[in-house]
């Protein structure tokens, strides 16, 4: 198999101090590991985990929903990134049909999470190029996580 695996798991790196005999976590930050810079999805999700707010999610169900101040996206990012690897999909593996979109307008990057197949195929459009990846090593369907994330943002008006 000539599939190039790109590891992209978010790990938490924390500063730990002892205060009054108890360990206290000062700050936890995401560390995104990738064996290649070809797939930027891990990097972009890592930025969202670290409070990046210039993104929107689109589906046929609720339309386009932009990030809203105070929304905590960390649980959604963690579900997708926990143990994830991005493999280049073969052309015949690419699903057709509906998808949910995660877009970063100011970066001109877009990810289409397909509902077909096992729910873990994503088409990346970045810098004028398109690549399809298969997310493996996860216990979720990525498109459902993105869809739930957008649905939750569309329903919340205040935090």
C-alpha atoms as a PDB file:
ATOM      1  CA  UNK A   1       0.000   0.000   0.000  1.00  0.00           C
ATOM      2  CA  UNK A   2       1.313   3.413  -0.915  1.00  0.00           C
ATOM      3  CA  UNK A   3      -0.968   5.365   1.356  1.00  0.00           C
ATOM      4  CA  UNK A   4       0.903   8.158   3.026  1.00  0.00           C
ATOM      5  CA  UNK A   5      -0.270   8.381   6.603  1.00  0.00           C
ATOM      6  CA  UNK A   6      -0.291  11.768   8.175  1.00  0.00           C
ATOM      7  CA  UNK A   7      -0.614  11.635  11.923  1.00  0.00           C
ATOM      8  CA  UNK A   8      -2.640  14.487  13.274  1.00  0.00           C
ATOM      9  CA  UNK A   9      -3.584  13.994  16.857  1.00  0.00           C
ATOM     10  CA  UNK A  10      -4.096  16.802  19.290  1.00  0.00           C
ATOM     11  CA  UNK A  11      -2.190  16.272  22.476  1.00  0.00           C
ATOM     12  CA  UNK A  12      -2.393  18.499  25.479  1.00  0.00           C
ATOM     13  CA  UNK A  13       0.758  19.963  26.853  1.00  0.00           C
ATOM     14  CA  UNK A  14       0.270  21.490  30.273  1.00  0.00           C
ATOM     15  CA  UNK A  15       2.344  23.513  32.662  1.00  0.00           C
ATOM     16  CA  UNK A  16       2.147  21.855  36.056  1.00  0.00           C
ATOM     17  CA  UNK A  17       3.132  23.457  39.330  1.00  0.00           C
ATOM     18  CA  UNK A  18       2.781  22.397  42.909  1.00  0.00           C
ATOM     19  CA  UNK A  19       0.878  24.822  45.091  1.00  0.00           C
ATOM     20  CA  UNK A  20       0.200  24.083  48.731  1.00  0.00           C
ATOM     21  CA  UNK A  21       1.112  20.427  48.232  1.00  0.00           C
ATOM     22  CA  UNK A  22      -1.322  19.994  45.310  1.00  0.00           C
ATOM     23  CA  UNK A  23      -0.521  19.854  41.590  1.00  0.00           C
ATOM     24  CA  UNK A  24      -2.197  22.638  39.646  1.00  0.00           C
ATOM     25  CA  UNK A  25      -2.477  22.865  35.846  1.00  0.00           C
ATOM     26  CA  UNK A  26      -1.620  26.402  34.797  1.00  0.00           C
ATOM     27  CA  UNK A  27      -2.367  26.248  31.125  1.00  0.00           C
ATOM     28  CA  UNK A  28      -3.178  23.498  28.627  1.00  0.00           C
ATOM     29  CA  UNK A  29      -2.361  24.135  24.967  1.00  0.00           C
ATOM     30  CA  UNK A  30      -2.871  21.969  21.902  1.00  0.00           C
ATOM     31  CA  UNK A  31       0.140  20.484  20.202  1.00  0.00           C
ATOM     32  CA  UNK A  32      -0.700  19.264  16.718  1.00  0.00           C
ATOM     33  CA  UNK A  33       1.639  16.596  15.426  1.00  0.00           C
ATOM     34  CA  UNK A  34       1.815  15.917  11.716  1.00  0.00           C
ATOM     35  CA  UNK A  35       4.319  13.934   9.704  1.00  0.00           C
ATOM     36  CA  UNK A  36       3.593  16.084   6.658  1.00  0.00           C
ATOM     37  CA  UNK A  37       2.292  19.553   5.950  1.00  0.00           C
ATOM     38  CA  UNK A  38       0.214  18.263   3.033  1.00  0.00           C
ATOM     39  CA  UNK A  39      -2.999  18.101   5.075  1.00  0.00           C
ATOM     40  CA  UNK A  40      -3.738  21.292   6.958  1.00  0.00           C
ATOM     41  CA  UNK A  41      -6.898  19.993   8.674  1.00  0.00           C
ATOM     42  CA  UNK A  42      -5.040  19.011  11.844  1.00  0.00           C
ATOM     43  CA  UNK A  43      -3.409  22.430  11.994  1.00  0.00           C
ATOM     44  CA  UNK A  44      -6.704  24.259  11.433  1.00  0.00           C
ATOM     45  CA  UNK A  45      -8.558  22.183  14.036  1.00  0.00           C
ATOM     46  CA  UNK A  46      -5.681  22.824  16.441  1.00  0.00           C
ATOM     47  CA  UNK A  47      -6.128  26.562  15.883  1.00  0.00           C
ATOM     48  CA  UNK A  48      -9.855  26.295  16.656  1.00  0.00           C
ATOM     49  CA  UNK A  49      -9.039  24.300  19.794  1.00  0.00           C
ATOM     50  CA  UNK A  50      -6.802  27.212  20.783  1.00  0.00           C
ATOM     51  CA  UNK A  51      -9.683  29.728  20.361  1.00  0.00           C
ATOM     52  CA  UNK A  52      -9.308  30.639  16.660  1.00  0.00           C
ATOM     53  CA  UNK A  53     -12.649  32.099  15.645  1.00  0.00           C
ATOM     54  CA  UNK A  54     -12.637  32.789  11.914  1.00  0.00           C
ATOM     55  CA  UNK A  55     -14.576  29.795  10.621  1.00  0.00           C
ATOM     56  CA  UNK A  56     -18.081  28.772   9.624  1.00  0.00           C
ATOM     57  CA  UNK A  57     -19.953  25.531   9.166  1.00  0.00           C
ATOM     58  CA  UNK A  58     -22.516  24.909   6.428  1.00  0.00           C
ATOM     59  CA  UNK A  59     -25.101  22.181   5.922  1.00  0.00           C
ATOM     60  CA  UNK A  60     -28.395  21.839   4.093  1.00  0.00           C
ATOM     61  CA  UNK A  61     -30.121  21.482   7.480  1.00  0.00           C
ATOM     62  CA  UNK A  62     -29.199  24.871   8.996  1.00  0.00           C
ATOM     63  CA  UNK A  63     -27.380  26.819   6.266  1.00  0.00           C
ATOM     64  CA  UNK A  64     -24.145  28.679   7.050  1.00  0.00           C
ATOM     65  CA  UNK A  65     -23.338  29.357  10.675  1.00  0.00           C
ATOM     66  CA  UNK A  66     -20.399  31.555  11.632  1.00  0.00           C
ATOM     67  CA  UNK A  67     -18.457  31.177  14.873  1.00  0.00           C
ATOM     68  CA  UNK A  68     -20.144  32.971  17.756  1.00  0.00           C
ATOM     69  CA  UNK A  69     -18.287  34.646  20.596  1.00  0.00           C
ATOM     70  CA  UNK A  70     -17.840  32.359  23.562  1.00  0.00           C
ATOM     71  CA  UNK A  71     -18.654  29.110  21.762  1.00  0.00           C
ATOM     72  CA  UNK A  72     -16.565  26.214  23.075  1.00  0.00           C
ATOM     73  CA  UNK A  73     -15.516  24.115  20.080  1.00  0.00           C
ATOM     74  CA  UNK A  74     -12.940  22.045  22.001  1.00  0.00           C
ATOM     75  CA  UNK A  75     -15.173  18.978  22.563  1.00  0.00           C
ATOM     76  CA  UNK A  76     -15.894  18.743  18.820  1.00  0.00           C
ATOM     77  CA  UNK A  77     -12.247  19.172  17.823  1.00  0.00           C
ATOM     78  CA  UNK A  78     -11.178  16.540  20.347  1.00  0.00           C
ATOM     79  CA  UNK A  79     -13.697  14.001  18.999  1.00  0.00           C
ATOM     80  CA  UNK A  80     -12.331  14.342  15.477  1.00  0.00           C
ATOM     81  CA  UNK A  81      -8.650  14.536  16.363  1.00  0.00           C
ATOM     82  CA  UNK A  82      -8.402  11.835  19.024  1.00  0.00           C
ATOM     83  CA  UNK A  83      -6.171   9.234  17.376  1.00  0.00           C
ATOM     84  CA  UNK A  84      -6.774  10.557  13.848  1.00  0.00           C
ATOM     85  CA  UNK A  85      -4.621   9.797  10.821  1.00  0.00           C
ATOM     86  CA  UNK A  86      -5.223  11.313   7.395  1.00  0.00           C
ATOM     87  CA  UNK A  87      -4.632   8.965   4.480  1.00  0.00           C
ATOM     88  CA  UNK A  88      -4.773  10.035   0.849  1.00  0.00           C
ATOM     89  CA  UNK A  89      -7.956   8.488  -0.529  1.00  0.00           C
ATOM     90  CA  UNK A  90      -7.852   6.604  -3.799  1.00  0.00           C
ATOM     91  CA  UNK A  91      -9.964   8.220  -6.544  1.00  0.00           C
ATOM     92  CA  UNK A  92     -12.503   5.380  -6.519  1.00  0.00           C
ATOM     93  CA  UNK A  93     -12.919   5.664  -2.730  1.00  0.00           C
ATOM     94  CA  UNK A  94     -14.153   9.254  -2.810  1.00  0.00           C
ATOM     95  CA  UNK A  95     -17.834   9.356  -1.884  1.00  0.00           C
ATOM     96  CA  UNK A  96     -20.316  11.425  -3.812  1.00  0.00           C
ATOM     97  CA  UNK A  97     -23.357  13.227  -2.527  1.00  0.00           C
ATOM     98  CA  UNK A  98     -24.001  15.399   0.484  1.00  0.00           C
ATOM     99  CA  UNK A  99     -21.393  16.817   2.789  1.00  0.00           C
ATOM    100  CA  UNK A 100     -21.000  19.283   5.641  1.00  0.00           C
ATOM    101  CA  UNK A 101     -18.541  22.151   5.162  1.00  0.00           C
ATOM    102  CA  UNK A 102     -16.015  23.570   7.619  1.00  0.00           C
ATOM    103  CA  UNK A 103     -14.579  26.735   6.089  1.00  0.00           C
ATOM    104  CA  UNK A 104     -11.896  29.229   7.014  1.00  0.00           C
ATOM    105  CA  UNK A 105     -12.757  32.274   4.851  1.00  0.00           C
ATOM    106  CA  UNK A 106      -9.738  34.472   5.580  1.00  0.00           C
ATOM    107  CA  UNK A 107      -7.379  31.532   4.941  1.00  0.00           C
ATOM    108  CA  UNK A 108      -9.221  30.423   1.761  1.00  0.00           C
ATOM    109  CA  UNK A 109      -9.376  26.854   3.086  1.00  0.00           C
ATOM    110  CA  UNK A 110     -12.445  24.629   2.934  1.00  0.00           C
ATOM    111  CA  UNK A 111     -13.152  21.069   4.106  1.00  0.00           C
ATOM    112  CA  UNK A 112     -16.104  19.028   2.859  1.00  0.00           C
ATOM    113  CA  UNK A 113     -16.933  16.136   5.206  1.00  0.00           C
ATOM    114  CA  UNK A 114     -18.845  13.542   3.200  1.00  0.00           C
ATOM    115  CA  UNK A 115     -21.848  11.755   4.665  1.00  0.00           C
ATOM    116  CA  UNK A 116     -21.281   8.722   2.425  1.00  0.00           C
ATOM    117  CA  UNK A 117     -18.841   5.860   2.892  1.00  0.00           C
ATOM    118  CA  UNK A 118     -17.900   5.452   6.541  1.00  0.00           C
ATOM    119  CA  UNK A 119     -18.495   9.166   7.207  1.00  0.00           C
ATOM    120  CA  UNK A 120     -14.790   9.937   7.462  1.00  0.00           C
ATOM    121  CA  UNK A 121     -13.860  11.173   3.990  1.00  0.00           C
ATOM    122  CA  UNK A 122     -12.954  14.831   3.677  1.00  0.00           C
ATOM    123  CA  UNK A 123     -12.098  16.915   0.620  1.00  0.00           C
ATOM    124  CA  UNK A 124      -9.652  19.698   1.329  1.00  0.00           C
ATOM    125  CA  UNK A 125      -9.607  22.736  -0.958  1.00  0.00           C
ATOM    126  CA  UNK A 126      -6.623  24.907  -0.114  1.00  0.00           C
ATOM    127  CA  UNK A 127      -4.379  27.180  -2.129  1.00  0.00           C
ATOM    128  CA  UNK A 128      -6.079  26.223  -5.373  1.00  0.00           C
ATOM    129  CA  UNK A 129      -5.574  22.476  -4.877  1.00  0.00           C
ATOM    130  CA  UNK A 130      -8.052  19.730  -3.957  1.00  0.00           C
ATOM    131  CA  UNK A 131      -7.139  16.581  -2.069  1.00  0.00           C
ATOM    132  CA  UNK A 132      -9.373  13.889  -0.591  1.00  0.00           C
ATOM    133  CA  UNK A 133      -8.393  12.273   2.694  1.00  0.00           C
ATOM    134  CA  UNK A 134      -9.765   9.340   4.629  1.00  0.00           C
ATOM    135  CA  UNK A 135      -9.673   9.895   8.364  1.00  0.00           C
ATOM    136  CA  UNK A 136      -8.789   6.670  10.168  1.00  0.00           C
ATOM    137  CA  UNK A 137      -8.122   5.790  13.782  1.00  0.00           C
ATOM    138  CA  UNK A 138     -11.159   7.646  15.099  1.00  0.00           C
ATOM    139  CA  UNK A 139     -14.214   6.254  16.854  1.00  0.00           C
ATOM    140  CA  UNK A 140     -16.639   8.780  15.344  1.00  0.00           C
ATOM    141  CA  UNK A 141     -18.024   9.787  11.981  1.00  0.00           C
ATOM    142  CA  UNK A 142     -16.341  13.130  11.298  1.00  0.00           C
ATOM    143  CA  UNK A 143     -19.244  14.498   9.247  1.00  0.00           C
ATOM    144  CA  UNK A 144     -21.644  13.925  12.173  1.00  0.00           C
ATOM    145  CA  UNK A 145     -19.333  15.722  14.593  1.00  0.00           C
ATOM    146  CA  UNK A 146     -19.038  18.724  12.239  1.00  0.00           C
ATOM    147  CA  UNK A 147     -22.812  18.701  11.660  1.00  0.00           C
ATOM    148  CA  UNK A 148     -23.579  18.564  15.400  1.00  0.00           C
ATOM    149  CA  UNK A 149     -21.072  21.366  15.993  1.00  0.00           C
ATOM    150  CA  UNK A 150     -22.780  23.619  13.427  1.00  0.00           C
ATOM    151  CA  UNK A 151     -26.269  22.707  14.653  1.00  0.00           C
ATOM    152  CA  UNK A 152     -25.309  23.580  18.229  1.00  0.00           C
ATOM    153  CA  UNK A 153     -23.811  26.930  17.141  1.00  0.00           C
ATOM    154  CA  UNK A 154     -26.945  27.721  15.110  1.00  0.00           C
ATOM    155  CA  UNK A 155     -29.217  27.179  18.128  1.00  0.00           C
ATOM    156  CA  UNK A 156     -27.226  29.064  20.739  1.00  0.00           C
ATOM    157  CA  UNK A 157     -27.682  32.803  20.874  1.00  0.00           C
ATOM    158  CA  UNK A 158     -25.852  33.522  24.118  1.00  0.00           C
ATOM    159  CA  UNK A 159     -23.359  31.748  26.336  1.00  0.00           C
END
